[in-house]
Amino acid sequence: MKLLIIGGSDAGISAALRARELNPDADVTMVVADRFPNFSICGLPFFLSGEVSDWRTLAHRTREQIEAGGIGLLLEHRAEGIDPERKRVMVSDKTGKTRELGYDRLVIGTGAESVRPEIDGLDLPGVFFLRWMDDSFAFQRHLEEEKPKSVVIVGGGYIGMEMADAMTVRGLDVTVIEYGTSVLTTVDPPLGELLRAELLRHGVRVHTGVAVTAIEPVDGGLQVRDGGTLAVKGDMVLVAAGGAPNTELARKAGIDTGIRDAIRVNRLMETSLPDVYAAGDCVETWHRLLRDYTYLPLGTTAHKQGRVA
């Protein structure tokens, strides 16, 4: 049985490992867009803070360990298209060379991508996003080469909060700007206020209820402003406005999507196409308390979904 998995993060690796447990004879291949399979992306802020000194320790398993488990790896290969009729996936390597891979069953674990809000200046030098390993390397290079003393973080969600802590540990002056009425809006507002108080106790400035409209170069640094009077200066800016499911590949193949364009799956992680499954930050998640589907991009959720798939 040929199992092809697109994506090598939590959902992809858990699907691959479980498939090998269930069927040691299965031919399992994992297509990974970068060169970092099975890395703890959630640990990136701790690498950037200096608390994790070697980024290699963020790997749950080395490439050699994964391959020794009978899982084939195609690193730095990107899935370009799915042909569900012929059960083929077109992939390209970093040189642009393409090839087709066949499958009996396919698992899509393409994850999410950073939201790029409607803000002028997102492509300026010194403005960063943080989702994948290469993002963290770019951020780290800027810290080491430019030696910034301050950072403005746009977004008060998980990444924003973790990076506020990380940059405080690193000794930078930190300002957080959040669109919602409190930081970490995934929790109840009273808890969000406790978090805000803790940020303030550690010297982090917090602005809530602010819609950032532009990032501008000014005096050798950057200025973040809203449509009114707020203007906050920093040496660098991190935009952490959340994630959106990366589902272009699935949608082009005719797979149904739902909430926020996440892939629609049933409780068995089956998509609308036969023999095609999906898991992780690219899919809708069944919420056992709400008894309904929602969008919940979390590593722990992705791991369980990959195993179910």
Protein backbone atom coordinates (compact mmCIF):
# COMPACT_ATOMS: atom_id res chain seq x y z
CA MET A 1 0.00 0.00 0.00
CA LYS A 2 1.46 3.33 -1.09
CA LEU A 3 0.76 6.09 1.42
CA LEU A 4 1.82 9.56 0.34
CA ILE A 5 1.84 12.37 2.90
CA ILE A 6 2.17 16.04 2.01
CA GLY A 7 3.72 17.89 4.93
CA GLY A 8 6.25 16.88 7.57
CA SER A 9 5.15 18.70 10.69
CA ASP A 10 2.94 17.33 13.51
CA ALA A 11 0.08 15.97 11.41
CA GLY A 12 2.28 14.49 8.69
CA ILE A 13 4.76 12.75 10.95
CA SER A 14 2.11 11.32 13.28
CA ALA A 15 0.22 9.93 10.27
CA ALA A 16 3.41 8.37 8.92
CA LEU A 17 4.41 6.81 12.23
CA ARG A 18 0.94 5.41 12.90
CA ALA A 19 0.75 3.96 9.38
CA ARG A 20 4.00 2.10 9.96
CA GLU A 21 2.68 0.81 13.31
CA LEU A 22 -0.48 -0.53 11.69
CA ASN A 23 1.16 -1.86 8.53
CA PRO A 24 4.95 -2.38 8.67
CA ASP A 25 4.88 -3.27 4.96
CA ALA A 26 3.29 0.03 3.93
CA ASP A 27 5.30 2.17 1.50
CA VAL A 28 5.18 5.55 3.28
CA THR A 29 6.62 8.69 1.67
CA MET A 30 6.49 12.16 3.18
CA VAL A 31 6.86 15.24 0.95
CA VAL A 32 8.30 18.17 2.94
CA ALA A 33 8.52 21.68 1.50
CA ASP A 34 11.54 22.66 3.62
CA ARG A 35 14.43 20.65 5.07
CA PHE A 36 13.08 20.41 8.62
CA PRO A 37 10.82 17.38 9.15
CA ASN A 38 9.31 16.80 12.60
CA PHE A 39 10.63 20.01 14.18
CA SER A 40 8.97 21.65 17.17
CA ILE A 41 7.75 24.83 15.51
CA CYS A 42 6.13 25.76 18.84
CA GLY A 43 9.66 25.97 20.27
CA LEU A 44 10.84 28.76 17.95
CA PRO A 45 10.32 31.57 20.51
CA PHE A 46 12.55 29.68 22.97
CA PHE A 47 15.27 29.42 20.32
CA LEU A 48 15.00 33.14 19.61
CA SER A 49 15.11 34.00 23.32
CA GLY A 50 18.36 32.07 23.69
CA GLU A 51 16.84 29.55 26.11
CA VAL A 52 17.27 26.87 23.42
CA SER A 53 20.87 27.39 22.35
CA ASP A 54 20.94 25.01 19.37
CA TRP A 55 18.02 25.02 16.91
CA ARG A 56 18.78 21.39 16.05
CA THR A 57 17.47 20.32 19.45
CA LEU A 58 14.00 21.42 18.32
CA ALA A 59 13.87 18.28 16.16
CA HIS A 60 11.78 15.51 17.72
CA ARG A 61 13.56 13.06 15.39
CA THR A 62 16.50 13.37 13.05
CA ARG A 63 16.18 12.64 9.36
CA GLU A 64 18.12 9.41 9.93
CA GLN A 65 15.75 8.30 12.70
CA ILE A 66 12.69 8.96 10.52
CA GLU A 67 14.13 7.06 7.59
CA ALA A 68 15.22 4.21 9.87
CA GLY A 69 11.54 3.87 10.81
CA GLY A 70 10.74 3.00 7.21
CA ILE A 71 9.47 6.45 6.18
CA GLY A 72 10.77 7.88 2.92
CA LEU A 73 11.55 11.60 2.94
CA LEU A 74 11.46 14.00 0.01
CA LEU A 75 12.85 17.16 1.56
CA GLU A 76 12.71 20.55 -0.16
CA HIS A 77 10.00 19.25 -2.47
CA ARG A 78 6.75 21.11 -2.93
CA ALA A 79 3.46 19.53 -3.99
CA GLU A 80 2.18 21.47 -6.99
CA GLY A 81 -0.99 19.59 -7.89
CA ILE A 82 -3.13 16.55 -7.14
CA ASP A 83 -4.76 14.42 -9.82
CA PRO A 84 -7.36 12.39 -7.89
CA GLU A 85 -8.50 10.48 -10.99
CA ARG A 86 -5.05 9.06 -11.66
CA LYS A 87 -4.00 9.12 -7.99
CA ARG A 88 -0.92 11.16 -8.75
CA VAL A 89 0.71 14.15 -7.08
CA MET A 90 2.97 16.50 -9.04
CA VAL A 91 5.96 17.70 -6.96
CA SER A 92 8.85 20.02 -7.74
CA ASP A 93 12.28 20.29 -6.12
CA LYS A 94 14.16 23.49 -5.31
CA THR A 95 15.59 23.62 -8.86
CA GLY A 96 12.10 23.55 -10.35
CA LYS A 97 12.41 20.01 -11.68
CA THR A 98 9.05 18.21 -11.50
CA ARG A 99 8.03 14.59 -11.12
CA GLU A 100 4.87 12.61 -10.40
CA LEU A 101 4.30 10.43 -7.35
CA GLY A 102 1.58 7.81 -7.21
CA TYR A 103 -0.48 6.90 -4.16
CA ASP A 104 -3.13 4.49 -2.92
CA ARG A 105 -3.97 6.77 0.00
CA LEU A 106 -3.05 10.43 0.38
CA VAL A 107 -2.81 12.53 3.55
CA ILE A 108 -2.71 16.31 3.18
CA GLY A 109 -0.97 18.08 6.05
CA THR A 110 -0.04 21.40 4.47
CA GLY A 111 -0.56 23.35 7.70
CA ALA A 112 -1.23 27.06 7.90
CA GLU A 113 0.42 30.23 6.72
CA SER A 114 0.89 33.55 8.45
CA VAL A 115 -1.96 36.01 7.96
CA ARG A 116 -0.83 39.11 6.10
CA PRO A 117 -3.24 41.79 7.33
CA GLU A 118 -4.12 44.89 5.35
CA ILE A 119 -1.16 46.88 6.63
CA ASP A 120 1.10 49.06 4.49
CA GLY A 121 4.81 48.29 4.82
CA LEU A 122 4.76 44.55 5.50
CA ASP A 123 7.68 43.98 3.11
CA LEU A 124 10.00 46.58 4.63
CA PRO A 125 13.40 45.44 5.94
CA GLY A 126 13.10 44.72 9.65
CA VAL A 127 9.51 43.44 9.42
CA PHE A 128 9.13 39.74 10.13
CA PHE A 129 6.62 36.92 10.36
CA LEU A 130 7.21 33.74 12.38
CA ARG A 131 5.83 30.35 11.40
CA TRP A 132 8.54 28.13 9.94
CA MET A 133 12.21 27.41 10.66
CA ASP A 134 13.47 29.72 7.91
CA ASP A 135 11.41 32.56 9.43
CA SER A 136 13.22 32.04 12.73
CA PHE A 137 16.65 32.03 11.05
CA ALA A 138 15.89 35.35 9.36
CA PHE A 139 14.71 36.82 12.67
CA GLN A 140 17.80 35.50 14.46
CA ARG A 141 20.17 36.93 11.84
CA HIS A 142 18.58 40.34 12.27
CA LEU A 143 18.98 40.14 16.05
CA GLU A 144 22.66 39.20 15.73
CA GLU A 145 23.66 41.52 12.89
CA GLU A 146 21.58 44.64 13.56
CA LYS A 147 21.50 44.34 17.36
CA PRO A 148 18.07 45.98 17.77
CA LYS A 149 17.15 47.34 21.17
CA SER A 150 13.37 47.38 20.71
CA VAL A 151 10.66 45.41 18.94
CA VAL A 152 7.00 46.10 18.22
CA ILE A 153 4.80 43.00 18.08
CA VAL A 154 1.58 43.35 16.10
CA GLY A 155 -0.79 40.72 17.52
CA GLY A 156 -1.44 39.45 21.02
CA GLY A 157 -2.17 35.79 20.31
CA TYR A 158 -0.05 32.74 21.10
CA ILE A 159 2.94 33.75 18.98
CA GLY A 160 2.70 37.38 20.07
CA MET A 161 2.67 36.46 23.75
CA GLU A 162 5.47 33.91 23.45
CA MET A 163 7.63 36.35 21.50
CA ALA A 164 6.93 39.17 23.97
CA ASP A 165 8.33 36.88 26.64
CA ALA A 166 11.23 35.74 24.43
CA MET A 167 12.34 39.24 23.50
CA THR A 168 12.05 40.39 27.11
CA VAL A 169 14.32 37.51 28.12
CA ARG A 170 16.70 38.65 25.40
CA GLY A 171 16.73 42.17 26.83
CA LEU A 172 14.79 44.06 24.18
CA ASP A 173 12.25 46.77 24.88
CA VAL A 174 8.89 45.26 23.85
CA THR A 175 5.57 46.79 22.79
CA VAL A 176 2.52 44.67 21.93
CA ILE A 177 -0.32 46.05 19.80
CA GLU A 178 -3.52 43.98 19.69
CA TYR A 179 -6.72 44.55 17.73
CA GLY A 180 -8.93 42.88 20.36
CA THR A 181 -9.97 44.27 23.72
CA SER A 182 -7.44 42.10 25.58
CA VAL A 183 -4.40 40.02 24.78
CA LEU A 184 -4.84 36.32 24.02
CA THR A 185 -8.48 36.57 22.98
CA THR A 186 -8.78 32.76 22.89
CA VAL A 187 -9.19 32.86 26.67
CA ASP A 188 -11.87 34.59 28.74
CA PRO A 189 -11.34 38.39 29.08
CA PRO A 190 -10.62 38.28 32.86
CA LEU A 191 -7.72 35.88 32.22
CA GLY A 192 -6.58 38.09 29.36
CA GLU A 193 -6.44 41.01 31.78
CA LEU A 194 -4.30 38.98 34.18
CA LEU A 195 -1.92 38.26 31.32
CA ARG A 196 -1.82 41.94 30.44
CA ALA A 197 -0.96 42.81 34.05
CA GLU A 198 1.87 40.26 33.98
CA LEU A 199 3.22 41.75 30.75
CA LEU A 200 3.18 45.21 32.29
CA ARG A 201 4.96 43.89 35.38
CA HIS A 202 7.79 42.77 33.11
CA GLY A 203 8.01 46.14 31.37
CA VAL A 204 6.08 45.25 28.21
CA ARG A 205 3.89 48.07 26.91
CA VAL A 206 0.47 46.87 25.73
CA HIS A 207 -2.02 48.65 23.45
CA THR A 208 -5.36 46.92 22.91
CA GLY A 209 -8.31 47.81 20.71
CA VAL A 210 -5.92 49.14 18.06
CA ALA A 211 -6.15 48.45 14.31
CA VAL A 212 -2.69 48.89 12.82
CA THR A 213 -2.79 50.44 9.35
CA ALA A 214 0.84 51.08 8.44
CA ILE A 215 4.49 50.35 9.19
CA GLU A 216 6.85 53.12 8.08
CA PRO A 217 10.61 53.67 8.10
CA VAL A 218 11.61 56.47 10.45
CA ASP A 219 14.91 57.62 12.03
CA GLY A 220 16.78 54.42 11.23
CA GLY A 221 13.98 52.29 12.64
CA LEU A 222 10.32 51.57 12.05
CA GLN A 223 7.11 53.20 13.17
CA VAL A 224 3.85 51.33 13.62
CA ARG A 225 0.72 53.44 13.53
CA ASP A 226 -3.04 53.16 13.42
CA GLY A 227 -5.49 55.39 11.61
CA GLY A 228 -5.52 57.84 14.53
CA THR A 229 -2.88 59.21 16.86
CA LEU A 230 -1.02 56.08 17.94
CA ALA A 231 2.54 55.84 16.62
CA VAL A 232 4.97 53.36 18.20
CA LYS A 233 8.63 53.24 17.20
CA GLY A 234 10.84 50.15 17.27
CA ASP A 235 14.02 48.84 15.71
CA MET A 236 12.15 45.82 14.30
CA VAL A 237 8.57 44.62 13.94
CA LEU A 238 7.05 41.16 14.27
CA VAL A 239 3.63 40.71 12.65
CA ALA A 240 1.82 37.91 14.48
CA ALA A 241 -1.76 38.36 13.30
CA GLY A 242 -2.63 34.66 13.34
CA GLY A 243 -2.65 31.83 10.86
CA ALA A 244 -4.84 30.87 7.92
CA PRO A 245 -5.19 27.31 6.60
CA ASN A 246 -2.95 26.59 3.62
CA THR A 247 -5.47 24.89 1.36
CA GLU A 248 -4.76 26.14 -2.16
CA LEU A 249 -3.44 22.73 -3.22
CA ALA A 250 -6.56 20.97 -1.89
CA ARG A 251 -8.96 23.49 -3.39
CA LYS A 252 -7.35 23.20 -6.83
CA ALA A 253 -7.93 19.45 -6.63
CA GLY A 254 -11.65 20.00 -5.97
CA ILE A 255 -11.63 19.17 -2.26
CA ASP A 256 -14.43 20.81 -0.26
CA THR A 257 -13.49 23.52 2.24
CA GLY A 258 -15.47 25.14 5.02
CA ILE A 259 -14.65 27.43 7.96
CA ARG A 260 -12.00 29.99 6.91
CA ASP A 261 -11.41 27.86 3.81
CA ALA A 262 -10.07 25.00 5.94
CA ILE A 263 -10.43 21.54 4.43
CA ARG A 264 -13.75 19.93 5.38
CA VAL A 265 -13.19 16.49 6.93
CA ASN A 266 -15.36 13.96 8.73
CA ARG A 267 -14.54 12.35 12.06
CA LEU A 268 -12.22 9.88 10.27
CA MET A 269 -10.31 12.82 8.71
CA GLU A 270 -11.62 11.87 5.25
CA THR A 271 -11.99 14.68 2.71
CA SER A 272 -14.63 14.91 -0.02
CA LEU A 273 -12.36 12.93 -2.39
CA PRO A 274 -12.02 9.15 -2.04
CA ASP A 275 -8.75 7.91 -0.46
CA VAL A 276 -7.69 11.46 0.38
CA TYR A 277 -7.37 12.43 4.05
CA ALA A 278 -6.29 15.67 5.69
CA ALA A 279 -5.09 16.68 9.14
CA GLY A 280 -3.53 19.55 11.07
CA ASP A 281 -3.71 23.31 10.72
CA CYS A 282 -5.20 23.03 7.21
CA VAL A 283 -8.46 21.34 8.35
CA GLU A 284 -11.59 21.98 10.33
CA THR A 285 -11.52 20.50 13.84
CA TRP A 286 -14.38 18.71 15.58
CA HIS A 287 -14.85 20.41 18.97
CA ARG A 288 -16.09 17.88 21.52
CA LEU A 289 -17.49 20.51 23.87
CA LEU A 290 -19.24 22.63 21.26
CA ARG A 291 -20.22 19.48 19.32
CA ASP A 292 -19.50 21.33 16.11
CA TYR A 293 -16.63 22.04 13.75
CA THR A 294 -14.32 24.99 14.28
CA TYR A 295 -10.85 26.10 13.20
CA LEU A 296 -8.27 25.26 15.87
CA PRO A 297 -4.67 25.34 14.60
CA LEU A 298 -2.65 23.74 17.40
CA GLY A 299 0.22 21.27 17.39
CA THR A 300 -1.42 18.93 19.87
CA THR A 301 -4.59 18.84 17.79
CA ALA A 302 -2.64 18.27 14.58
CA HIS A 303 -0.76 15.33 16.11
CA LYS A 304 -3.98 13.58 17.13
CA GLN A 305 -5.61 14.26 13.76
CA GLY A 306 -2.64 12.81 11.88
CA ARG A 307 -2.85 9.68 13.98
CA VAL A 308 -6.60 9.36 13.32
CA ALA A 309 -6.04 9.84 9.57
